[in-house]
N, C-alpha and C. Protein backbone atom coordinates (compact mmCIF):
# COMPACT_ATOMS: atom_id res chain seq x y z
N MET A 1 2.28 3.64 8.33
CA MET A 1 1.94 2.76 7.25
C MET A 1 1.58 3.61 6.04
N LYS A 2 1.98 3.13 4.88
CA LYS A 2 1.65 3.81 3.63
C LYS A 2 1.01 2.82 2.68
N LEU A 3 -0.05 3.27 2.03
CA LEU A 3 -0.72 2.47 1.01
C LEU A 3 -0.62 3.24 -0.30
N TYR A 4 0.14 2.70 -1.24
CA TYR A 4 0.25 3.27 -2.57
C TYR A 4 -0.90 2.68 -3.38
N THR A 5 -1.78 3.54 -3.86
CA THR A 5 -3.05 3.06 -4.37
C THR A 5 -3.49 3.80 -5.63
N TYR A 6 -4.31 3.13 -6.41
CA TYR A 6 -5.00 3.75 -7.56
C TYR A 6 -6.48 3.75 -7.23
N PHE A 7 -7.15 4.86 -7.43
CA PHE A 7 -8.53 5.01 -6.96
C PHE A 7 -9.51 4.02 -7.58
N ARG A 8 -9.21 3.45 -8.73
CA ARG A 8 -10.11 2.48 -9.36
C ARG A 8 -9.74 1.03 -9.05
N SER A 9 -8.71 0.82 -8.27
CA SER A 9 -8.25 -0.53 -7.97
C SER A 9 -9.14 -1.18 -6.90
N SER A 10 -9.76 -2.30 -7.24
CA SER A 10 -10.60 -2.99 -6.26
C SER A 10 -9.75 -3.60 -5.14
N ALA A 11 -8.53 -4.02 -5.44
CA ALA A 11 -7.65 -4.56 -4.41
C ALA A 11 -7.29 -3.47 -3.40
N SER A 12 -6.96 -2.30 -3.87
CA SER A 12 -6.66 -1.18 -2.98
C SER A 12 -7.87 -0.81 -2.13
N TYR A 13 -9.03 -0.87 -2.75
CA TYR A 13 -10.27 -0.55 -2.04
C TYR A 13 -10.49 -1.52 -0.88
N ARG A 14 -10.26 -2.80 -1.12
CA ARG A 14 -10.45 -3.81 -0.07
C ARG A 14 -9.45 -3.61 1.07
N VAL A 15 -8.22 -3.25 0.74
CA VAL A 15 -7.22 -3.01 1.78
C VAL A 15 -7.59 -1.77 2.60
N ARG A 16 -8.07 -0.72 1.94
CA ARG A 16 -8.51 0.47 2.67
C ARG A 16 -9.65 0.15 3.63
N ILE A 17 -10.60 -0.67 3.18
CA ILE A 17 -11.71 -1.07 4.05
C ILE A 17 -11.18 -1.82 5.26
N ALA A 18 -10.28 -2.78 5.05
CA ALA A 18 -9.74 -3.56 6.17
C ALA A 18 -8.99 -2.68 7.16
N LEU A 19 -8.21 -1.73 6.66
CA LEU A 19 -7.47 -0.84 7.54
C LEU A 19 -8.41 0.04 8.36
N HIS A 20 -9.47 0.53 7.74
CA HIS A 20 -10.44 1.35 8.46
C HIS A 20 -11.20 0.52 9.49
N LEU A 21 -11.57 -0.71 9.14
CA LEU A 21 -12.29 -1.57 10.09
C LEU A 21 -11.44 -1.88 11.32
N LYS A 22 -10.14 -1.97 11.14
CA LYS A 22 -9.22 -2.23 12.26
C LYS A 22 -8.75 -0.95 12.95
N ASP A 23 -9.27 0.19 12.49
CA ASP A 23 -8.88 1.50 13.04
C ASP A 23 -7.38 1.72 13.00
N LEU A 24 -6.75 1.34 11.90
CA LEU A 24 -5.32 1.52 11.71
C LEU A 24 -5.08 2.78 10.87
N ALA A 25 -4.25 3.65 11.37
CA ALA A 25 -3.93 4.88 10.65
C ALA A 25 -2.93 4.57 9.53
N PHE A 26 -3.15 5.16 8.37
CA PHE A 26 -2.25 4.97 7.24
C PHE A 26 -2.28 6.19 6.36
N ASP A 27 -1.21 6.36 5.60
CA ASP A 27 -1.15 7.42 4.61
C ASP A 27 -1.44 6.81 3.25
N SER A 28 -2.31 7.45 2.51
CA SER A 28 -2.64 6.99 1.17
C SER A 28 -1.82 7.80 0.16
N VAL A 29 -1.06 7.10 -0.67
CA VAL A 29 -0.24 7.75 -1.69
C VAL A 29 -0.82 7.36 -3.05
N PRO A 30 -1.40 8.31 -3.77
CA PRO A 30 -2.01 7.98 -5.06
C PRO A 30 -0.98 7.69 -6.15
N ILE A 31 -1.23 6.64 -6.91
CA ILE A 31 -0.42 6.27 -8.07
C ILE A 31 -1.38 6.24 -9.27
N HIS A 32 -1.13 7.06 -10.27
CA HIS A 32 -2.03 7.13 -11.43
C HIS A 32 -1.55 6.18 -12.51
N LEU A 33 -2.29 5.08 -12.70
CA LEU A 33 -1.89 4.06 -13.65
C LEU A 33 -1.98 4.53 -15.10
N VAL A 34 -2.98 5.33 -15.41
CA VAL A 34 -3.17 5.79 -16.79
C VAL A 34 -2.00 6.69 -17.22
N LYS A 35 -1.47 7.46 -16.28
CA LYS A 35 -0.32 8.32 -16.56
C LYS A 35 1.00 7.55 -16.51
N GLY A 36 0.96 6.29 -16.08
CA GLY A 36 2.16 5.47 -16.04
C GLY A 36 3.06 5.70 -14.84
N GLU A 37 2.50 6.25 -13.76
CA GLU A 37 3.31 6.54 -12.59
C GLU A 37 3.88 5.28 -11.92
N GLN A 38 3.28 4.12 -12.17
CA GLN A 38 3.80 2.88 -11.59
C GLN A 38 5.12 2.46 -12.24
N GLY A 39 5.49 3.09 -13.34
CA GLY A 39 6.74 2.78 -14.02
C GLY A 39 7.87 3.74 -13.71
N MET A 40 7.60 4.72 -12.84
CA MET A 40 8.64 5.70 -12.48
C MET A 40 9.68 5.04 -11.58
N ALA A 41 10.92 5.50 -11.70
CA ALA A 41 12.04 4.90 -10.97
C ALA A 41 11.83 4.91 -9.46
N GLU A 42 11.29 5.99 -8.94
CA GLU A 42 11.06 6.10 -7.49
C GLU A 42 10.10 5.00 -7.00
N TYR A 43 9.04 4.75 -7.77
CA TYR A 43 8.07 3.73 -7.39
C TYR A 43 8.63 2.32 -7.61
N LEU A 44 9.35 2.11 -8.70
CA LEU A 44 9.93 0.80 -8.98
C LEU A 44 11.00 0.41 -7.96
N ALA A 45 11.62 1.39 -7.32
CA ALA A 45 12.59 1.08 -6.27
C ALA A 45 11.89 0.44 -5.07
N LYS A 46 10.64 0.81 -4.84
CA LYS A 46 9.86 0.24 -3.74
C LYS A 46 9.12 -1.02 -4.16
N ASN A 47 8.68 -1.06 -5.40
CA ASN A 47 7.87 -2.16 -5.91
C ASN A 47 8.37 -2.55 -7.30
N PRO A 48 9.36 -3.45 -7.39
CA PRO A 48 9.97 -3.79 -8.68
C PRO A 48 9.00 -4.34 -9.72
N LYS A 49 7.89 -4.95 -9.29
CA LYS A 49 6.91 -5.46 -10.25
C LYS A 49 6.09 -4.33 -10.89
N GLY A 50 6.01 -3.21 -10.20
CA GLY A 50 5.27 -2.07 -10.73
C GLY A 50 3.77 -2.22 -10.65
N SER A 51 3.29 -3.11 -9.77
CA SER A 51 1.85 -3.27 -9.63
C SER A 51 1.26 -2.07 -8.90
N SER A 52 -0.05 -1.92 -9.00
CA SER A 52 -0.68 -0.72 -8.47
C SER A 52 -0.81 -0.71 -6.96
N LEU A 53 -0.81 -1.86 -6.32
CA LEU A 53 -1.01 -1.90 -4.88
C LEU A 53 0.31 -2.18 -4.18
N LEU A 54 0.69 -1.29 -3.28
CA LEU A 54 1.88 -1.47 -2.46
C LEU A 54 1.56 -0.97 -1.07
N PHE A 55 1.81 -1.82 -0.08
CA PHE A 55 1.55 -1.48 1.32
C PHE A 55 2.85 -1.60 2.07
N THR A 56 3.30 -0.53 2.71
CA THR A 56 4.56 -0.55 3.44
C THR A 56 4.32 -0.14 4.89
N TRP A 57 5.14 -0.66 5.78
CA TRP A 57 5.08 -0.28 7.18
C TRP A 57 6.45 -0.45 7.80
N THR A 58 6.64 0.19 8.93
CA THR A 58 7.89 0.10 9.67
C THR A 58 7.59 -0.41 11.06
N VAL A 59 8.33 -1.42 11.49
CA VAL A 59 8.16 -1.95 12.84
C VAL A 59 9.00 -1.09 13.78
N ALA A 60 8.36 -0.59 14.83
CA ALA A 60 9.00 0.39 15.72
C ALA A 60 10.06 -0.22 16.63
N SER A 61 9.86 -1.44 17.10
CA SER A 61 10.84 -2.02 18.02
C SER A 61 11.02 -3.50 17.73
N SER A 62 12.06 -4.07 18.30
CA SER A 62 12.34 -5.49 18.06
C SER A 62 11.35 -6.38 18.80
N HIS A 63 10.59 -5.81 19.74
CA HIS A 63 9.62 -6.59 20.50
C HIS A 63 8.23 -6.57 19.88
N SER A 64 8.08 -5.81 18.82
CA SER A 64 6.77 -5.71 18.16
C SER A 64 6.46 -6.99 17.40
N ARG A 65 5.22 -7.31 17.39
CA ARG A 65 4.76 -8.46 16.62
C ARG A 65 4.14 -7.95 15.32
N LEU A 66 4.32 -8.69 14.29
CA LEU A 66 3.76 -8.33 12.99
C LEU A 66 2.81 -9.44 12.59
N ARG A 67 1.55 -9.09 12.39
CA ARG A 67 0.56 -10.06 11.98
C ARG A 67 -0.05 -9.58 10.67
N PHE A 68 -0.36 -10.51 9.80
CA PHE A 68 -0.99 -10.13 8.55
C PHE A 68 -1.97 -11.21 8.12
N TRP A 69 -2.92 -10.81 7.34
CA TRP A 69 -3.94 -11.71 6.83
C TRP A 69 -3.95 -11.60 5.32
N ILE A 70 -4.12 -12.72 4.66
CA ILE A 70 -4.27 -12.71 3.21
C ILE A 70 -5.77 -12.71 2.93
N ILE A 71 -6.21 -11.67 2.25
CA ILE A 71 -7.64 -11.51 1.98
C ILE A 71 -7.97 -12.11 0.63
């Protein structure tokens, strides 16, 4: 799992808390909003809206279940 995050984002902070409470391992990828990194082509390919919070994951098998909660 990867969390593309900005250190001042309260939404990113809440997602990090939830992931830690569930003991889920994830990679944090910093995106600097002031420098405009959310507008770079590489990031826009993953997140066309260019918002600061992006959470990605890969399901390992076809038998895996995916559950999510809207906070």
